[in-house]
Amino acid sequence: MTAYREKPHTGLKLEIEGNVAVVTLTNPPANTWTVDSLAALRDLVTGLNADRDVYALVITGEGEKFFSAGADLKQFADGDKGVARVAARRFGEAFETLSAFRGVSIAAINGYAMGGGLECALACDLRIAEEHAQLALPEATVGLLPCGGGSQNLPRVVGEGWAKRMILLGERVDAATALRIGLVEEVVGKGEAKARAIQWAQQAGKQSPTSIAVCKALVQATRTQSHATALVSEREAFVDLFDTADQKEGVSAFLERRAAQWMNA
């Protein structure tokens, strides 16, 4: 189950701290994505998802300047549509797998998050930005478009108006603006995002991981399901939790006034 921890992950570094996985993007100088590193993220998150000892995931960038500058544009210099198709598929696979991670995922944005870098952060549940961070989806500036979910996920987070400003006008936002428009949930000082994200992840670890997985799925279902359908799903999921060991442990711990010992089962 944990064999994935020992494997190399192209462009990524994995650390496990208790029940928290920390993934660092490591492709200097700007932590750009390649088809290989995107495949590595897809496979790594798949491994984390199967590891019942991991409750939360933090993603950050190596260094002080870049979270990720997005795709390595050199791969598109020849105008090869086959290369473009593979890259688009890898972006989709990587970030959709990240979005479907059963636990809480937190982007610790430690600098520039551009293009595919911002799309990676948008695939996470929560985002913390350092005060010097800059965020943008500038693909149209080079004749492309955000193909890692950006055109769909950004308007869901900030609304259609700001999404159009960022995508159609190529507008870059700083950390303070990102906080104001709801693109990030918190702004911290330089060098503090990773530690703060780990604090949030540990806070999530106090919750039942089985409950978290179901709650996250229900929240994300609002993107596609009707309100009436989702309400039925919510009630059914509530009853289904009574089949889990964590439900029994959680109620017992509350009544006995002690900290719950989760089994993620």
Protein backbone atom coordinates (compact mmCIF):
# COMPACT_ATOMS: atom_id res chain seq x y z
CA MET A 1 0.00 0.00 0.00
CA THR A 2 2.81 2.42 0.85
CA ALA A 3 5.26 1.31 -1.87
CA TYR A 4 4.53 4.56 -3.74
CA ARG A 5 6.40 6.43 -1.01
CA GLU A 6 9.71 4.89 -2.07
CA LYS A 7 9.34 5.50 -5.80
CA PRO A 8 10.87 8.54 -7.53
CA HIS A 9 8.31 11.13 -8.62
CA THR A 10 9.50 13.24 -11.54
CA GLY A 11 9.50 16.93 -10.61
CA LEU A 12 8.02 16.26 -7.18
CA LYS A 13 9.23 15.63 -3.65
CA LEU A 14 7.10 13.73 -1.15
CA GLU A 15 7.25 14.00 2.63
CA ILE A 16 4.87 12.34 5.08
CA GLU A 17 4.39 14.09 8.42
CA GLY A 18 2.01 12.08 10.58
CA ASN A 19 -1.23 11.90 8.64
CA VAL A 20 -0.24 14.76 6.32
CA ALA A 21 1.44 14.35 2.94
CA VAL A 22 3.49 17.31 1.72
CA VAL A 23 4.21 17.40 -2.02
CA THR A 24 6.74 19.97 -3.24
CA LEU A 25 6.97 20.95 -6.91
CA THR A 26 10.66 20.75 -7.84
CA ASN A 27 11.51 21.72 -11.39
CA PRO A 28 13.78 24.78 -11.19
CA PRO A 29 13.93 27.54 -11.90
CA ALA A 30 10.14 28.08 -12.09
CA ASN A 31 8.68 24.67 -11.12
CA THR A 32 7.09 24.29 -14.55
CA TRP A 33 4.98 21.27 -15.47
CA THR A 34 6.00 18.67 -18.02
CA VAL A 35 4.02 15.67 -19.25
CA ASP A 36 6.22 13.51 -17.01
CA SER A 37 5.71 15.55 -13.85
CA LEU A 38 1.95 15.71 -14.50
CA ALA A 39 1.85 11.93 -14.83
CA ALA A 40 3.89 11.70 -11.63
CA LEU A 41 1.38 13.89 -9.77
CA ARG A 42 -1.51 11.77 -11.04
CA ASP A 43 0.18 8.56 -9.89
CA LEU A 44 1.33 10.04 -6.59
CA VAL A 45 -2.12 11.30 -5.61
CA THR A 46 -3.57 7.93 -6.61
CA GLY A 47 -1.13 6.32 -4.17
CA LEU A 48 -1.97 8.80 -1.43
CA ASN A 49 -5.66 8.16 -1.98
CA ALA A 50 -5.17 4.44 -1.33
CA ASP A 51 -3.06 5.06 1.79
CA ARG A 52 -5.48 5.04 4.73
CA ASP A 53 -2.85 6.63 6.98
CA VAL A 54 -2.91 9.85 4.94
CA TYR A 55 -5.74 12.25 5.81
CA ALA A 56 -4.61 15.50 4.18
CA LEU A 57 -2.37 16.78 1.38
CA VAL A 58 -0.36 19.99 1.15
CA ILE A 59 1.15 21.14 -2.17
CA THR A 60 3.78 23.85 -2.39
CA GLY A 61 6.67 24.96 -4.60
CA GLU A 62 10.41 24.72 -4.07
CA GLY A 63 12.21 28.00 -3.46
CA GLU A 64 11.00 31.46 -2.54
CA LYS A 65 9.79 32.82 -5.88
CA PHE A 66 7.63 30.23 -7.64
CA PHE A 67 4.78 27.97 -6.67
CA SER A 68 4.64 27.01 -10.35
CA ALA A 69 4.88 29.05 -13.54
CA GLY A 70 2.68 26.52 -15.36
CA ALA A 71 3.48 24.56 -18.50
CA ASP A 72 6.94 24.49 -20.03
CA LEU A 73 6.16 26.33 -23.27
CA LYS A 74 9.21 24.88 -25.02
CA GLN A 75 7.21 21.69 -25.59
CA PHE A 76 4.76 23.64 -27.77
CA ALA A 77 7.32 25.53 -29.85
CA ASP A 78 6.95 23.23 -32.88
CA GLY A 79 3.17 23.60 -33.02
CA ASP A 80 2.73 19.82 -32.89
CA LYS A 81 -0.96 19.02 -32.19
CA GLY A 82 -0.05 15.53 -31.04
CA VAL A 83 2.20 16.95 -28.36
CA ALA A 84 -0.54 19.42 -27.40
CA ARG A 85 -3.13 16.63 -27.13
CA VAL A 86 -0.92 14.56 -24.82
CA ALA A 87 -0.13 17.59 -22.66
CA ALA A 88 -3.81 18.57 -22.37
CA ARG A 89 -4.75 15.03 -21.39
CA ARG A 90 -2.00 14.89 -18.76
CA PHE A 91 -3.09 18.22 -17.28
CA GLY A 92 -6.65 16.98 -17.05
CA GLU A 93 -5.70 13.63 -15.53
CA ALA A 94 -3.37 15.19 -12.96
CA PHE A 95 -5.63 17.94 -11.69
CA GLU A 96 -8.85 15.92 -11.83
CA THR A 97 -7.13 13.22 -9.76
CA LEU A 98 -6.01 15.91 -7.33
CA SER A 99 -9.52 17.34 -7.10
CA ALA A 100 -10.89 13.86 -6.37
CA PHE A 101 -8.44 13.20 -3.51
CA ARG A 102 -10.64 11.92 -0.66
CA GLY A 103 -8.95 14.04 2.02
CA VAL A 104 -8.41 17.77 2.44
CA SER A 105 -5.98 19.27 -0.09
CA ILE A 106 -4.33 22.63 0.55
CA ALA A 107 -2.20 24.70 -1.84
CA ALA A 108 0.54 26.65 -0.08
CA ILE A 109 1.21 29.28 -2.75
CA ASN A 110 4.72 30.49 -2.01
CA GLY A 111 5.15 32.75 -5.04
CA TYR A 112 4.08 33.01 -8.66
CA ALA A 113 1.17 30.69 -9.55
CA MET A 114 0.72 31.14 -13.28
CA GLY A 115 -1.25 29.12 -15.80
CA GLY A 116 -1.00 25.46 -14.87
CA GLY A 117 0.41 26.51 -11.53
CA LEU A 118 -2.80 28.31 -10.62
CA GLU A 119 -4.84 25.46 -12.10
CA CYS A 120 -3.07 23.09 -9.71
CA ALA A 121 -3.99 25.34 -6.79
CA LEU A 122 -7.59 25.56 -8.05
CA ALA A 123 -7.79 21.76 -8.00
CA CYS A 124 -7.11 21.87 -4.25
CA ASP A 125 -9.81 22.40 -1.64
CA LEU A 126 -8.16 25.40 0.02
CA ARG A 127 -5.49 27.93 -0.89
CA ILE A 128 -3.08 29.95 1.24
CA ALA A 129 -0.96 32.61 -0.48
CA GLU A 130 2.17 34.34 0.73
CA GLU A 131 1.98 38.13 0.61
CA HIS A 132 4.29 38.41 -2.42
CA ALA A 133 2.39 35.85 -4.52
CA GLN A 134 1.08 36.67 -7.99
CA LEU A 135 -1.70 34.63 -9.60
CA ALA A 136 -2.78 34.54 -13.25
CA LEU A 137 -4.11 32.47 -16.15
CA PRO A 138 -2.19 34.18 -18.99
CA GLU A 139 -2.48 31.45 -21.65
CA ALA A 140 -4.36 33.61 -24.17
CA THR A 141 -1.34 35.94 -24.19
CA VAL A 142 0.60 33.24 -26.04
CA GLY A 143 -2.29 32.01 -28.19
CA LEU A 144 -3.35 29.19 -25.89
CA LEU A 145 -5.99 28.62 -23.22
CA PRO A 146 -6.07 27.10 -19.73
CA CYS A 147 -6.56 23.35 -20.34
CA GLY A 148 -6.08 22.06 -16.78
CA GLY A 149 -9.55 23.03 -15.61
CA GLY A 150 -8.88 26.75 -15.30
CA SER A 151 -11.75 27.95 -17.48
CA GLN A 152 -14.17 25.85 -15.41
CA ASN A 153 -12.77 26.01 -11.88
CA LEU A 154 -11.83 29.70 -11.72
CA PRO A 155 -15.36 31.06 -12.31
CA ARG A 156 -16.71 28.63 -9.72
CA VAL A 157 -14.31 30.09 -7.18
CA VAL A 158 -14.31 33.82 -7.98
CA GLY A 159 -17.36 34.30 -10.21
CA GLU A 160 -17.63 34.86 -13.94
CA GLY A 161 -16.61 38.51 -13.89
CA TRP A 162 -13.25 38.07 -12.23
CA ALA A 163 -12.63 34.87 -14.17
CA LYS A 164 -13.10 36.81 -17.40
CA ARG A 165 -10.82 39.59 -16.21
CA MET A 166 -8.08 37.08 -15.48
CA ILE A 167 -8.57 34.86 -18.55
CA LEU A 168 -9.79 37.26 -21.25
CA LEU A 169 -7.76 40.31 -20.18
CA GLY A 170 -4.78 38.38 -18.86
CA GLU A 171 -5.08 40.26 -15.59
CA ARG A 172 -2.66 39.21 -12.84
CA VAL A 173 -3.79 39.53 -9.23
CA ASP A 174 -1.68 39.95 -6.13
CA ALA A 175 -2.26 38.12 -2.86
CA ALA A 176 -4.38 40.88 -1.33
CA THR A 177 -6.68 40.95 -4.36
CA ALA A 178 -6.81 37.15 -4.43
CA LEU A 179 -8.03 37.18 -0.83
CA ARG A 180 -10.61 39.89 -1.54
CA ILE A 181 -12.15 38.04 -4.48
CA GLY A 182 -12.11 34.65 -2.75
CA LEU A 183 -9.36 33.08 -4.85
CA VAL A 184 -7.43 32.25 -1.68
CA GLU A 185 -8.69 31.73 1.86
CA GLU A 186 -5.77 33.34 3.71
CA VAL A 187 -2.66 35.46 3.11
CA VAL A 188 0.47 34.96 5.21
CA GLY A 189 3.97 36.39 5.30
CA LYS A 190 6.80 35.30 3.04
CA GLY A 191 7.94 31.77 3.80
CA GLU A 192 4.94 31.00 6.03
CA ALA A 193 2.48 29.31 3.66
CA LYS A 194 3.73 25.74 4.04
CA ALA A 195 3.68 25.82 7.84
CA ARG A 196 0.22 27.38 7.88
CA ALA A 197 -1.07 24.82 5.40
CA ILE A 198 0.28 22.00 7.57
CA GLN A 199 -1.53 23.56 10.55
CA TRP A 200 -4.78 23.46 8.58
CA ALA A 201 -4.10 19.88 7.52
CA GLN A 202 -3.50 18.87 11.12
CA GLN A 203 -6.71 20.64 12.13
CA ALA A 204 -8.56 18.63 9.49
CA GLY A 205 -6.99 15.52 11.01
CA LYS A 206 -9.04 16.08 14.16
CA GLN A 207 -12.14 15.43 12.07
CA SER A 208 -13.23 11.95 11.04
CA PRO A 209 -11.44 11.18 7.75
CA THR A 210 -14.37 9.05 6.60
CA SER A 211 -16.72 11.97 7.29
CA ILE A 212 -14.38 14.39 5.52
CA ALA A 213 -14.34 12.25 2.38
CA VAL A 214 -18.15 12.13 2.22
CA CYS A 215 -18.58 15.82 3.08
CA LYS A 216 -16.09 16.83 0.38
CA ALA A 217 -17.90 14.72 -2.22
CA LEU A 218 -21.21 16.29 -1.25
CA VAL A 219 -19.85 19.84 -1.47
CA GLN A 220 -18.33 19.16 -4.87
CA ALA A 221 -21.58 17.56 -6.04
CA THR A 222 -23.14 21.04 -5.99
CA ARG A 223 -21.19 21.66 -9.21
CA THR A 224 -23.19 19.11 -11.19
CA GLN A 225 -26.20 17.84 -9.22
CA SER A 226 -29.49 19.62 -8.74
CA HIS A 227 -30.21 20.93 -5.27
CA ALA A 228 -33.00 18.40 -4.73
CA THR A 229 -30.85 15.45 -5.82
CA ALA A 230 -27.96 16.54 -3.62
CA LEU A 231 -30.22 16.82 -0.58
CA VAL A 232 -31.28 13.20 -1.04
CA SER A 233 -27.63 12.17 -1.40
CA GLU A 234 -26.79 14.06 1.78
CA ARG A 235 -29.39 12.20 3.85
CA GLU A 236 -28.39 8.82 2.42
CA ALA A 237 -24.70 9.51 3.09
CA PHE A 238 -25.52 10.45 6.70
CA VAL A 239 -27.12 7.06 7.28
CA ASP A 240 -24.31 5.22 5.46
CA LEU A 241 -21.76 6.65 7.92
CA PHE A 242 -23.33 4.44 10.59
CA ASP A 243 -21.60 1.52 8.88
CA THR A 244 -18.18 3.00 9.67
CA ALA A 245 -15.91 2.44 12.64
CA ASP A 246 -15.19 6.17 12.77
CA GLN A 247 -18.84 7.01 13.42
CA LYS A 248 -18.90 4.70 16.42
CA GLU A 249 -15.56 6.01 17.65
CA GLY A 250 -16.54 9.65 17.17
CA VAL A 251 -19.77 9.43 19.13
CA SER A 252 -18.15 7.32 21.87
CA ALA A 253 -15.24 9.75 22.21
CA PHE A 254 -17.61 12.70 22.48
CA LEU A 255 -19.72 11.04 25.17
CA GLU A 256 -16.61 9.90 27.05
CA ARG A 257 -15.04 13.38 26.74
CA ARG A 258 -11.83 12.18 25.11
CA ALA A 259 -10.05 12.72 21.79
CA ALA A 260 -11.22 10.38 19.05
CA GLN A 261 -8.77 7.85 17.65
CA TRP A 262 -9.66 7.65 13.99
CA MET A 263 -9.25 4.49 11.95
CA ASN A 264 -10.27 5.95 8.58
CA ALA A 265 -12.62 3.02 8.22
